[in-house]
């Protein structure tokens, strides 16, 4: 829907005048009434205002509680406050089960995918005649390599 050229500004907002006219507060209602009859945008705005007013009036009904009705009214409030919620126990169980499942999955992940020993030395050899090579890999990832020579080969 196209906007009314008067609602785009110009220092004066006719929508405010339309709203004042709708509320019965306009000083000069005739020009606004003629404009709303001619302008589709302003008449649509007026229809929205009427819809809002009807909705608000439907929600703003006030009912008085008489002295004879007060005991029943208070009983209804007490029942609503004191009545146990049936789903509270189910949701507590579901929450605890979900937390236990998360903890179990975390522990399983840590146990199965925990730190692994990486052997940086897969094999070792030497080209020295009469020398032997041996290695030892500890559990903390340290590998020791020994090159053994005969005692008479050491200079």
C-alpha atoms as a PDB file:
ATOM      1  CA  UNK A   1       0.000   0.000   0.000  1.00  0.00           C
ATOM      2  CA  UNK A   2       1.361   3.439  -0.925  1.00  0.00           C
ATOM      3  CA  UNK A   3       2.109   5.860   1.881  1.00  0.00           C
ATOM      4  CA  UNK A   4       0.241   9.110   2.112  1.00  0.00           C
ATOM      5  CA  UNK A   5       2.431  12.024   1.055  1.00  0.00           C
ATOM      6  CA  UNK A   6       1.473  13.829   4.250  1.00  0.00           C
ATOM      7  CA  UNK A   7       2.786  11.040   6.471  1.00  0.00           C
ATOM      8  CA  UNK A   8       6.330  11.295   5.082  1.00  0.00           C
ATOM      9  CA  UNK A   9       7.166  14.324   7.209  1.00  0.00           C
ATOM     10  CA  UNK A  10       7.489  17.927   6.195  1.00  0.00           C
ATOM     11  CA  UNK A  11       7.653  19.131   9.776  1.00  0.00           C
ATOM     12  CA  UNK A  12       4.099  18.061  10.521  1.00  0.00           C
ATOM     13  CA  UNK A  13       2.778  14.544  10.983  1.00  0.00           C
ATOM     14  CA  UNK A  14      -0.866  14.178   9.837  1.00  0.00           C
ATOM     15  CA  UNK A  15      -0.901  10.683  11.350  1.00  0.00           C
ATOM     16  CA  UNK A  16      -0.742  12.356  14.735  1.00  0.00           C
ATOM     17  CA  UNK A  17      -3.690  14.524  13.709  1.00  0.00           C
ATOM     18  CA  UNK A  18      -5.552  11.412  12.538  1.00  0.00           C
ATOM     19  CA  UNK A  19      -4.843   9.738  15.876  1.00  0.00           C
ATOM     20  CA  UNK A  20      -5.946  12.840  17.799  1.00  0.00           C
ATOM     21  CA  UNK A  21      -9.088  12.984  15.680  1.00  0.00           C
ATOM     22  CA  UNK A  22      -9.694   9.284  16.329  1.00  0.00           C
ATOM     23  CA  UNK A  23      -9.351   9.946  20.087  1.00  0.00           C
ATOM     24  CA  UNK A  24     -11.675  12.965  19.853  1.00  0.00           C
ATOM     25  CA  UNK A  25      -8.911  15.469  20.658  1.00  0.00           C
ATOM     26  CA  UNK A  26      -8.673  17.306  17.309  1.00  0.00           C
ATOM     27  CA  UNK A  27      -9.362  21.055  17.312  1.00  0.00           C
ATOM     28  CA  UNK A  28     -10.419  21.084  13.632  1.00  0.00           C
ATOM     29  CA  UNK A  29     -11.846  17.632  12.733  1.00  0.00           C
ATOM     30  CA  UNK A  30     -13.432  18.434   9.333  1.00  0.00           C
ATOM     31  CA  UNK A  31     -10.241  18.636   7.179  1.00  0.00           C
ATOM     32  CA  UNK A  32      -8.954  15.409   8.709  1.00  0.00           C
ATOM     33  CA  UNK A  33     -12.302  13.685   8.142  1.00  0.00           C
ATOM     34  CA  UNK A  34     -12.277  14.736   4.452  1.00  0.00           C
ATOM     35  CA  UNK A  35      -8.635  13.630   4.048  1.00  0.00           C
ATOM     36  CA  UNK A  36      -9.278  10.196   5.567  1.00  0.00           C
ATOM     37  CA  UNK A  37     -12.264   9.727   3.224  1.00  0.00           C
ATOM     38  CA  UNK A  38     -10.042  10.430   0.198  1.00  0.00           C
ATOM     39  CA  UNK A  39      -6.739   8.814   1.273  1.00  0.00           C
ATOM     40  CA  UNK A  40      -6.506   4.996   1.225  1.00  0.00           C
ATOM     41  CA  UNK A  41      -3.347   4.971   3.355  1.00  0.00           C
ATOM     42  CA  UNK A  42      -4.864   7.107   6.098  1.00  0.00           C
ATOM     43  CA  UNK A  43      -8.150   5.172   6.034  1.00  0.00           C
ATOM     44  CA  UNK A  44      -6.154   1.943   6.421  1.00  0.00           C
ATOM     45  CA  UNK A  45      -4.307   3.545   9.349  1.00  0.00           C
ATOM     46  CA  UNK A  46      -7.668   4.503  10.851  1.00  0.00           C
ATOM     47  CA  UNK A  47      -8.891   0.888  10.437  1.00  0.00           C
ATOM     48  CA  UNK A  48      -5.799  -0.339  12.280  1.00  0.00           C
ATOM     49  CA  UNK A  49      -6.483   2.110  15.093  1.00  0.00           C
ATOM     50  CA  UNK A  50     -10.061   0.821  15.372  1.00  0.00           C
ATOM     51  CA  UNK A  51      -8.831  -2.797  15.473  1.00  0.00           C
ATOM     52  CA  UNK A  52      -6.347  -1.973  18.227  1.00  0.00           C
ATOM     53  CA  UNK A  53      -9.001  -0.126  20.236  1.00  0.00           C
ATOM     54  CA  UNK A  54     -11.402  -3.084  19.983  1.00  0.00           C
ATOM     55  CA  UNK A  55      -8.663  -5.507  21.046  1.00  0.00           C
ATOM     56  CA  UNK A  56      -7.625  -3.397  24.005  1.00  0.00           C
ATOM     57  CA  UNK A  57     -11.193  -2.901  25.154  1.00  0.00           C
ATOM     58  CA  UNK A  58     -11.783  -6.659  24.970  1.00  0.00           C
ATOM     59  CA  UNK A  59      -8.731  -7.271  27.183  1.00  0.00           C
ATOM     60  CA  UNK A  60      -9.339  -4.509  29.660  1.00  0.00           C
ATOM     61  CA  UNK A  61     -12.527  -5.760  31.268  1.00  0.00           C
ATOM     62  CA  UNK A  62     -12.486  -5.328  35.001  1.00  0.00           C
ATOM     63  CA  UNK A  63     -14.600  -7.542  37.134  1.00  0.00           C
ATOM     64  CA  UNK A  64     -15.283  -6.875  40.767  1.00  0.00           C
ATOM     65  CA  UNK A  65     -14.981  -9.666  43.311  1.00  0.00           C
ATOM     66  CA  UNK A  66     -17.725  -9.364  45.873  1.00  0.00           C
ATOM     67  CA  UNK A  67     -17.319 -10.372  49.496  1.00  0.00           C
ATOM     68  CA  UNK A  68     -19.319 -13.551  48.947  1.00  0.00           C
ATOM     69  CA  UNK A  69     -17.009 -14.586  46.075  1.00  0.00           C
ATOM     70  CA  UNK A  70     -13.723 -13.912  47.889  1.00  0.00           C
ATOM     71  CA  UNK A  71     -13.422 -17.306  49.680  1.00  0.00           C
ATOM     72  CA  UNK A  72     -13.887 -19.225  46.406  1.00  0.00           C
ATOM     73  CA  UNK A  73     -11.453 -16.875  44.658  1.00  0.00           C
ATOM     74  CA  UNK A  74      -8.784 -17.383  47.329  1.00  0.00           C
ATOM     75  CA  UNK A  75      -9.372 -21.156  47.296  1.00  0.00           C
ATOM     76  CA  UNK A  76      -8.717 -21.203  43.559  1.00  0.00           C
ATOM     77  CA  UNK A  77      -5.473 -19.271  44.045  1.00  0.00           C
ATOM     78  CA  UNK A  78      -4.320 -21.607  46.821  1.00  0.00           C
ATOM     79  CA  UNK A  79      -5.070 -24.689  44.712  1.00  0.00           C
ATOM     80  CA  UNK A  80      -3.122 -23.242  41.819  1.00  0.00           C
ATOM     81  CA  UNK A  81      -0.143 -22.448  44.031  1.00  0.00           C
ATOM     82  CA  UNK A  82      -0.161 -25.598  46.152  1.00  0.00           C
ATOM     83  CA  UNK A  83      -1.006 -28.120  43.428  1.00  0.00           C
ATOM     84  CA  UNK A  84       2.055 -30.186  42.586  1.00  0.00           C
ATOM     85  CA  UNK A  85       3.222 -30.025  39.025  1.00  0.00           C
ATOM     86  CA  UNK A  86       3.214 -33.546  37.599  1.00  0.00           C
ATOM     87  CA  UNK A  87       5.792 -32.918  34.917  1.00  0.00           C
ATOM     88  CA  UNK A  88       8.358 -31.484  37.318  1.00  0.00           C
ATOM     89  CA  UNK A  89       9.497 -34.979  38.371  1.00  0.00           C
ATOM     90  CA  UNK A  90       9.702 -36.181  34.779  1.00  0.00           C
ATOM     91  CA  UNK A  91      11.789 -33.179  33.713  1.00  0.00           C
ATOM     92  CA  UNK A  92      14.088 -33.629  36.727  1.00  0.00           C
ATOM     93  CA  UNK A  93      14.629 -37.263  35.744  1.00  0.00           C
ATOM     94  CA  UNK A  94      15.278 -36.352  32.110  1.00  0.00           C
ATOM     95  CA  UNK A  95      17.762 -33.643  33.175  1.00  0.00           C
ATOM     96  CA  UNK A  96      19.652 -36.013  35.471  1.00  0.00           C
ATOM     97  CA  UNK A  97      19.708 -38.733  32.812  1.00  0.00           C
ATOM     98  CA  UNK A  98      21.040 -36.281  30.210  1.00  0.00           C
ATOM     99  CA  UNK A  99      23.755 -35.073  32.601  1.00  0.00           C
ATOM    100  CA  UNK A 100      24.759 -38.681  33.402  1.00  0.00           C
ATOM    101  CA  UNK A 101      24.906 -39.493  29.692  1.00  0.00           C
ATOM    102  CA  UNK A 102      27.162 -36.496  29.027  1.00  0.00           C
ATOM    103  CA  UNK A 103      29.491 -37.470  31.899  1.00  0.00           C
ATOM    104  CA  UNK A 104      29.627 -41.107  30.735  1.00  0.00           C
ATOM    105  CA  UNK A 105      30.376 -40.093  27.144  1.00  0.00           C
ATOM    106  CA  UNK A 106      33.111 -37.713  28.324  1.00  0.00           C
ATOM    107  CA  UNK A 107      34.770 -40.364  30.500  1.00  0.00           C
ATOM    108  CA  UNK A 108      34.577 -42.921  27.691  1.00  0.00           C
ATOM    109  CA  UNK A 109      36.131 -40.448  25.274  1.00  0.00           C
ATOM    110  CA  UNK A 110      38.966 -39.657  27.667  1.00  0.00           C
ATOM    111  CA  UNK A 111      39.669 -43.327  28.375  1.00  0.00           C
ATOM    112  CA  UNK A 112      39.616 -44.500  24.761  1.00  0.00           C
ATOM    113  CA  UNK A 113      41.157 -41.442  23.123  1.00  0.00           C
ATOM    114  CA  UNK A 114      43.489 -40.355  25.893  1.00  0.00           C
ATOM    115  CA  UNK A 115      47.152 -39.590  25.407  1.00  0.00           C
ATOM    116  CA  UNK A 116      48.964 -42.161  23.316  1.00  0.00           C
ATOM    117  CA  UNK A 117      52.647 -42.930  23.340  1.00  0.00           C
ATOM    118  CA  UNK A 118      54.355 -41.861  20.166  1.00  0.00           C
ATOM    119  CA  UNK A 119      57.597 -43.642  19.352  1.00  0.00           C
ATOM    120  CA  UNK A 120      59.780 -41.244  17.470  1.00  0.00           C
ATOM    121  CA  UNK A 121      62.400 -43.919  16.848  1.00  0.00           C
ATOM    122  CA  UNK A 122      60.948 -46.796  14.897  1.00  0.00           C
ATOM    123  CA  UNK A 123      64.238 -48.520  14.052  1.00  0.00           C
ATOM    124  CA  UNK A 124      67.935 -47.932  14.492  1.00  0.00           C
ATOM    125  CA  UNK A 125      71.090 -49.359  12.949  1.00  0.00           C
ATOM    126  CA  UNK A 126      74.763 -48.600  12.586  1.00  0.00           C
ATOM    127  CA  UNK A 127      77.429 -49.042   9.929  1.00  0.00           C
ATOM    128  CA  UNK A 128      80.238 -49.463  12.478  1.00  0.00           C
ATOM    129  CA  UNK A 129      81.830 -52.904  12.361  1.00  0.00           C
ATOM    130  CA  UNK A 130      81.380 -54.892  15.549  1.00  0.00           C
ATOM    131  CA  UNK A 131      78.936 -52.358  17.039  1.00  0.00           C
ATOM    132  CA  UNK A 132      75.480 -53.217  18.248  1.00  0.00           C
ATOM    133  CA  UNK A 133      72.512 -50.876  18.585  1.00  0.00           C
ATOM    134  CA  UNK A 134      69.715 -51.238  21.082  1.00  0.00           C
ATOM    135  CA  UNK A 135      66.848 -48.953  22.056  1.00  0.00           C
ATOM    136  CA  UNK A 136      64.408 -48.577  24.892  1.00  0.00           C
ATOM    137  CA  UNK A 137      61.080 -46.711  24.722  1.00  0.00           C
ATOM    138  CA  UNK A 138      59.730 -45.602  28.120  1.00  0.00           C
ATOM    139  CA  UNK A 139      56.053 -45.178  28.901  1.00  0.00           C
ATOM    140  CA  UNK A 140      56.298 -41.381  28.918  1.00  0.00           C
ATOM    141  CA  UNK A 141      57.402 -41.083  25.289  1.00  0.00           C
ATOM    142  CA  UNK A 142      61.183 -40.927  25.799  1.00  0.00           C
ATOM    143  CA  UNK A 143      63.250 -43.276  23.650  1.00  0.00           C
ATOM    144  CA  UNK A 144      66.880 -44.058  24.489  1.00  0.00           C
ATOM    145  CA  UNK A 145      69.252 -45.439  21.834  1.00  0.00           C
ATOM    146  CA  UNK A 146      72.586 -47.205  22.778  1.00  0.00           C
ATOM    147  CA  UNK A 147      75.439 -47.886  20.422  1.00  0.00           C
ATOM    148  CA  UNK A 148      77.723 -50.563  21.975  1.00  0.00           C
ATOM    149  CA  UNK A 149      81.273 -50.962  20.790  1.00  0.00           C
ATOM    150  CA  UNK A 150      83.831 -53.574  21.829  1.00  0.00           C
ATOM    151  CA  UNK A 151      86.173 -52.189  24.540  1.00  0.00           C
ATOM    152  CA  UNK A 152      89.252 -52.439  22.323  1.00  0.00           C
ATOM    153  CA  UNK A 153      87.494 -50.447  19.504  1.00  0.00           C
ATOM    154  CA  UNK A 154      87.222 -47.277  21.620  1.00  0.00           C
ATOM    155  CA  UNK A 155      90.083 -44.891  20.792  1.00  0.00           C
END
